[in-house]
Amino acid sequence: MLVYEDIALISGYDTQRSFSKSFKALFKMSPSSYRKQQKLLLVQLKLELRSVGFQLFN
């Protein structure tokens, strides 16, 4: 998993702070909050798929 500083540099930002500020303006949440939310959504999706009989592999 990429760290925020790497993502900022890859995205063309000079600093993690400037990336975070732009990210928050666009998504209305911090990058860490977004990442946590995505993990929760993935867990929820896996549980829903299992409940209808899908077998998932890690």
PDB file of N, CA and C in Angstrom:
ATOM      1  N   MET A   1       0.846  -1.169   0.000  1.00  0.00           N
ATOM      2  CA  MET A   1       0.000   0.000   0.000  1.00  0.00           C
ATOM      3  C   MET A   1       0.898   1.241   0.000  1.00  0.00           C
ATOM      4  N   LEU A   2       0.560   2.172  -0.832  1.00  0.00           N
ATOM      5  CA  LEU A   2       1.331   3.415  -0.901  1.00  0.00           C
ATOM      6  C   LEU A   2       1.050   4.295   0.307  1.00  0.00           C
ATOM      7  N   VAL A   3       2.074   4.989   0.756  1.00  0.00           N
ATOM      8  CA  VAL A   3       1.881   5.966   1.830  1.00  0.00           C
ATOM      9  C   VAL A   3       1.483   7.294   1.202  1.00  0.00           C
ATOM     10  N   TYR A   4       0.893   8.173   2.005  1.00  0.00           N
ATOM     11  CA  TYR A   4       0.355   9.430   1.489  1.00  0.00           C
ATOM     12  C   TYR A   4       1.415  10.289   0.813  1.00  0.00           C
ATOM     13  N   GLU A   5       2.612  10.297   1.353  1.00  0.00           N
ATOM     14  CA  GLU A   5       3.671  11.112   0.748  1.00  0.00           C
ATOM     15  C   GLU A   5       3.986  10.629  -0.670  1.00  0.00           C
ATOM     16  N   ASP A   6       4.032   9.317  -0.861  1.00  0.00           N
ATOM     17  CA  ASP A   6       4.269   8.761  -2.198  1.00  0.00           C
ATOM     18  C   ASP A   6       3.140   9.136  -3.153  1.00  0.00           C
ATOM     19  N   ILE A   7       1.912   9.016  -2.687  1.00  0.00           N
ATOM     20  CA  ILE A   7       0.758   9.368  -3.515  1.00  0.00           C
ATOM     21  C   ILE A   7       0.813  10.838  -3.899  1.00  0.00           C
ATOM     22  N   ALA A   8       1.162  11.687  -2.950  1.00  0.00           N
ATOM     23  CA  ALA A   8       1.263  13.124  -3.219  1.00  0.00           C
ATOM     24  C   ALA A   8       2.302  13.399  -4.297  1.00  0.00           C
ATOM     25  N   LEU A   9       3.472  12.801  -4.175  1.00  0.00           N
ATOM     26  CA  LEU A   9       4.544  13.029  -5.147  1.00  0.00           C
ATOM     27  C   LEU A   9       4.185  12.475  -6.524  1.00  0.00           C
ATOM     28  N   ILE A  10       3.610  11.290  -6.562  1.00  0.00           N
ATOM     29  CA  ILE A  10       3.185  10.684  -7.828  1.00  0.00           C
ATOM     30  C   ILE A  10       2.120  11.542  -8.506  1.00  0.00           C
ATOM     31  N   SER A  11       1.271  12.165  -7.704  1.00  0.00           N
ATOM     32  CA  SER A  11       0.186  13.001  -8.222  1.00  0.00           C
ATOM     33  C   SER A  11       0.644  14.393  -8.622  1.00  0.00           C
ATOM     34  N   GLY A  12       1.911  14.703  -8.395  1.00  0.00           N
ATOM     35  CA  GLY A  12       2.444  15.988  -8.813  1.00  0.00           C
ATOM     36  C   GLY A  12       2.454  17.073  -7.756  1.00  0.00           C
ATOM     37  N   TYR A  13       2.161  16.716  -6.517  1.00  0.00           N
ATOM     38  CA  TYR A  13       2.187  17.691  -5.425  1.00  0.00           C
ATOM     39  C   TYR A  13       3.584  17.751  -4.823  1.00  0.00           C
ATOM     40  N   ASP A  14       3.961  18.933  -4.376  1.00  0.00           N
ATOM     41  CA  ASP A  14       5.285  19.104  -3.773  1.00  0.00           C
ATOM     42  C   ASP A  14       5.358  18.531  -2.363  1.00  0.00           C
ATOM     43  N   THR A  15       4.226  18.565  -1.657  1.00  0.00           N
ATOM     44  CA  THR A  15       4.201  18.093  -0.274  1.00  0.00           C
ATOM     45  C   THR A  15       2.941  17.287  -0.005  1.00  0.00           C
ATOM     46  N   GLN A  16       3.022  16.492   1.042  1.00  0.00           N
ATOM     47  CA  GLN A  16       1.848  15.738   1.483  1.00  0.00           C
ATOM     48  C   GLN A  16       0.757  16.696   1.942  1.00  0.00           C
ATOM     49  N   ARG A  17       1.161  17.781   2.564  1.00  0.00           N
ATOM     50  CA  ARG A  17       0.195  18.754   3.071  1.00  0.00           C
ATOM     51  C   ARG A  17      -0.634  19.370   1.937  1.00  0.00           C
ATOM     52  N   SER A  18       0.014  19.740   0.849  1.00  0.00           N
ATOM     53  CA  SER A  18      -0.730  20.332  -0.266  1.00  0.00           C
ATOM     54  C   SER A  18      -1.653  19.301  -0.912  1.00  0.00           C
ATOM     55  N   PHE A  19      -1.198  18.049  -0.995  1.00  0.00           N
ATOM     56  CA  PHE A  19      -2.055  16.986  -1.511  1.00  0.00           C
ATOM     57  C   PHE A  19      -3.277  16.799  -0.616  1.00  0.00           C
ATOM     58  N   SER A  20      -3.059  16.715   0.691  1.00  0.00           N
ATOM     59  CA  SER A  20      -4.157  16.507   1.636  1.00  0.00           C
ATOM     60  C   SER A  20      -5.173  17.637   1.573  1.00  0.00           C
ATOM     61  N   LYS A  21      -4.683  18.849   1.450  1.00  0.00           N
ATOM     62  CA  LYS A  21      -5.569  20.011   1.380  1.00  0.00           C
ATOM     63  C   LYS A  21      -6.448  19.950   0.123  1.00  0.00           C
ATOM     64  N   SER A  22      -5.856  19.627  -1.004  1.00  0.00           N
ATOM     65  CA  SER A  22      -6.614  19.506  -2.254  1.00  0.00           C
ATOM     66  C   SER A  22      -7.579  18.325  -2.206  1.00  0.00           C
ATOM     67  N   PHE A  23      -7.119  17.217  -1.650  1.00  0.00           N
ATOM     68  CA  PHE A  23      -7.957  16.024  -1.530  1.00  0.00           C
ATOM     69  C   PHE A  23      -9.189  16.329  -0.691  1.00  0.00           C
ATOM     70  N   LYS A  24      -8.972  16.987   0.441  1.00  0.00           N
ATOM     71  CA  LYS A  24     -10.076  17.307   1.340  1.00  0.00           C
ATOM     72  C   LYS A  24     -11.063  18.270   0.679  1.00  0.00           C
ATOM     73  N   ALA A  25     -10.576  19.213  -0.103  1.00  0.00           N
ATOM     74  CA  ALA A  25     -11.461  20.142  -0.805  1.00  0.00           C
ATOM     75  C   ALA A  25     -12.330  19.405  -1.825  1.00  0.00           C
ATOM     76  N   LEU A  26     -11.778  18.398  -2.472  1.00  0.00           N
ATOM     77  CA  LEU A  26     -12.509  17.655  -3.493  1.00  0.00           C
ATOM     78  C   LEU A  26     -13.471  16.631  -2.905  1.00  0.00           C
ATOM     79  N   PHE A  27     -13.009  15.856  -1.930  1.00  0.00           N
ATOM     80  CA  PHE A  27     -13.795  14.741  -1.405  1.00  0.00           C
ATOM     81  C   PHE A  27     -14.494  15.027  -0.078  1.00  0.00           C
ATOM     82  N   LYS A  28     -14.251  16.200   0.491  1.00  0.00           N
ATOM     83  CA  LYS A  28     -14.887  16.608   1.757  1.00  0.00           C
ATOM     84  C   LYS A  28     -14.509  15.701   2.923  1.00  0.00           C
ATOM     85  N   MET A  29     -13.344  15.076   2.822  1.00  0.00           N
ATOM     86  CA  MET A  29     -12.797  14.273   3.916  1.00  0.00           C
ATOM     87  C   MET A  29     -11.304  14.110   3.687  1.00  0.00           C
ATOM     88  N   SER A  30     -10.591  13.803   4.743  1.00  0.00           N
ATOM     89  CA  SER A  30      -9.140  13.628   4.638  1.00  0.00           C
ATOM     90  C   SER A  30      -8.824  12.328   3.895  1.00  0.00           C
ATOM     91  N   PRO A  31      -7.615  12.234   3.344  1.00  0.00           N
ATOM     92  CA  PRO A  31      -7.231  10.981   2.692  1.00  0.00           C
ATOM     93  C   PRO A  31      -7.319   9.766   3.624  1.00  0.00           C
ATOM     94  N   SER A  32      -6.943   9.941   4.891  1.00  0.00           N
ATOM     95  CA  SER A  32      -7.017   8.802   5.822  1.00  0.00           C
ATOM     96  C   SER A  32      -8.459   8.401   6.099  1.00  0.00           C
ATOM     97  N   SER A  33      -9.357   9.366   6.213  1.00  0.00           N
ATOM     98  CA  SER A  33     -10.778   9.047   6.402  1.00  0.00           C
ATOM     99  C   SER A  33     -11.332   8.325   5.182  1.00  0.00           C
ATOM    100  N   TYR A  34     -10.932   8.771   4.003  1.00  0.00           N
ATOM    101  CA  TYR A  34     -11.371   8.131   2.761  1.00  0.00           C
ATOM    102  C   TYR A  34     -10.892   6.683   2.711  1.00  0.00           C
ATOM    103  N   ARG A  35      -9.635   6.472   3.051  1.00  0.00           N
ATOM    104  CA  ARG A  35      -9.068   5.119   3.020  1.00  0.00           C
ATOM    105  C   ARG A  35      -9.798   4.207   4.010  1.00  0.00           C
ATOM    106  N   LYS A  36     -10.080   4.711   5.214  1.00  0.00           N
ATOM    107  CA  LYS A  36     -10.809   3.921   6.211  1.00  0.00           C
ATOM    108  C   LYS A  36     -12.204   3.581   5.711  1.00  0.00           C
ATOM    109  N   GLN A  37     -12.870   4.556   5.096  1.00  0.00           N
ATOM    110  CA  GLN A  37     -14.214   4.332   4.573  1.00  0.00           C
ATOM    111  C   GLN A  37     -14.193   3.259   3.485  1.00  0.00           C
ATOM    112  N   GLN A  38     -13.197   3.295   2.615  1.00  0.00           N
ATOM    113  CA  GLN A  38     -13.097   2.302   1.550  1.00  0.00           C
ATOM    114  C   GLN A  38     -12.877   0.903   2.112  1.00  0.00           C
ATOM    115  N   LYS A  39     -12.075   0.788   3.171  1.00  0.00           N
ATOM    116  CA  LYS A  39     -11.856  -0.517   3.801  1.00  0.00           C
ATOM    117  C   LYS A  39     -13.158  -1.045   4.386  1.00  0.00           C
ATOM    118  N   LEU A  40     -13.932  -0.169   5.025  1.00  0.00           N
ATOM    119  CA  LEU A  40     -15.206  -0.589   5.597  1.00  0.00           C
ATOM    120  C   LEU A  40     -16.175  -1.029   4.511  1.00  0.00           C
ATOM    121  N   LEU A  41     -16.198  -0.317   3.390  1.00  0.00           N
ATOM    122  CA  LEU A  41     -17.076  -0.692   2.285  1.00  0.00           C
ATOM    123  C   LEU A  41     -16.685  -2.045   1.708  1.00  0.00           C
ATOM    124  N   LEU A  42     -15.390  -2.324   1.624  1.00  0.00           N
ATOM    125  CA  LEU A  42     -14.923  -3.609   1.113  1.00  0.00           C
ATOM    126  C   LEU A  42     -15.329  -4.747   2.048  1.00  0.00           C
ATOM    127  N   VAL A  43     -15.188  -4.551   3.335  1.00  0.00           N
ATOM    128  CA  VAL A  43     -15.596  -5.563   4.312  1.00  0.00           C
ATOM    129  C   VAL A  43     -17.098  -5.811   4.206  1.00  0.00           C
ATOM    130  N   GLN A  44     -17.874  -4.747   4.086  1.00  0.00           N
ATOM    131  CA  GLN A  44     -19.328  -4.877   3.964  1.00  0.00           C
ATOM    132  C   GLN A  44     -19.688  -5.651   2.697  1.00  0.00           C
ATOM    133  N   LEU A  45     -19.036  -5.344   1.589  1.00  0.00           N
ATOM    134  CA  LEU A  45     -19.298  -6.047   0.335  1.00  0.00           C
ATOM    135  C   LEU A  45     -18.975  -7.532   0.465  1.00  0.00           C
ATOM    136  N   LYS A  46     -17.846  -7.864   1.089  1.00  0.00           N
ATOM    137  CA  LYS A  46     -17.479  -9.269   1.273  1.00  0.00           C
ATOM    138  C   LYS A  46     -18.531 -10.003   2.099  1.00  0.00           C
ATOM    139  N   LEU A  47     -19.007  -9.352   3.162  1.00  0.00           N
ATOM    140  CA  LEU A  47     -20.027  -9.980   4.006  1.00  0.00           C
ATOM    141  C   LEU A  47     -21.326 -10.186   3.239  1.00  0.00           C
ATOM    142  N   GLU A  48     -21.713  -9.203   2.442  1.00  0.00           N
ATOM    143  CA  GLU A  48     -22.939  -9.326   1.655  1.00  0.00           C
ATOM    144  C   GLU A  48     -22.820 -10.440   0.617  1.00  0.00           C
ATOM    145  N   LEU A  49     -21.670 -10.545  -0.034  1.00  0.00           N
ATOM    146  CA  LEU A  49     -21.477 -11.603  -1.021  1.00  0.00           C
ATOM    147  C   LEU A  49     -21.501 -12.976  -0.366  1.00  0.00           C
ATOM    148  N   ARG A  50     -20.895 -13.093   0.793  1.00  0.00           N
ATOM    149  CA  ARG A  50     -20.920 -14.381   1.507  1.00  0.00           C
ATOM    150  C   ARG A  50     -22.345 -14.761   1.896  1.00  0.00           C
ATOM    151  N   SER A  51     -23.145 -13.766   2.263  1.00  0.00           N
ATOM    152  CA  SER A  51     -24.512 -14.058   2.707  1.00  0.00           C
ATOM    153  C   SER A  51     -25.378 -14.607   1.574  1.00  0.00           C
ATOM    154  N   VAL A  52     -24.997 -14.341   0.330  1.00  0.00           N
ATOM    155  CA  VAL A  52     -25.759 -14.877  -0.797  1.00  0.00           C
ATOM    156  C   VAL A  52     -25.045 -16.050  -1.468  1.00  0.00           C
ATOM    157  N   GLY A  53     -23.997 -16.561  -0.820  1.00  0.00           N
ATOM    158  CA  GLY A  53     -23.373 -17.784  -1.279  1.00  0.00           C
ATOM    159  C   GLY A  53     -22.109 -17.656  -2.106  1.00  0.00           C
ATOM    160  N   PHE A  54     -21.585 -16.469  -2.285  1.00  0.00           N
ATOM    161  CA  PHE A  54     -20.331 -16.316  -3.024  1.00  0.00           C
ATOM    162  C   PHE A  54     -19.161 -16.646  -2.109  1.00  0.00           C
ATOM    163  N   GLN A  55     -18.195 -17.369  -2.648  1.00  0.00           N
ATOM    164  CA  GLN A  55     -16.980 -17.677  -1.902  1.00  0.00           C
ATOM    165  C   GLN A  55     -15.881 -16.751  -2.393  1.00  0.00           C
ATOM    166  N   LEU A  56     -15.290 -16.010  -1.470  1.00  0.00           N
ATOM    167  CA  LEU A  56     -14.225 -15.076  -1.827  1.00  0.00           C
ATOM    168  C   LEU A  56     -12.880 -15.629  -1.411  1.00  0.00           C
ATOM    169  N   PHE A  57     -11.887 -15.326  -2.197  1.00  0.00           N
ATOM    170  CA  PHE A  57     -10.517 -15.700  -1.880  1.00  0.00           C
ATOM    171  C   PHE A  57      -9.757 -14.441  -1.550  1.00  0.00           C
ATOM    172  N   ASN A  58      -8.935 -14.456  -0.495  1.00  0.00           N
ATOM    173  CA  ASN A  58      -8.121 -13.287  -0.137  1.00  0.00           C
ATOM    174  C   ASN A  58      -7.060 -13.180  -1.140  1.00  0.00           C
TER     175      ASN A  58
END
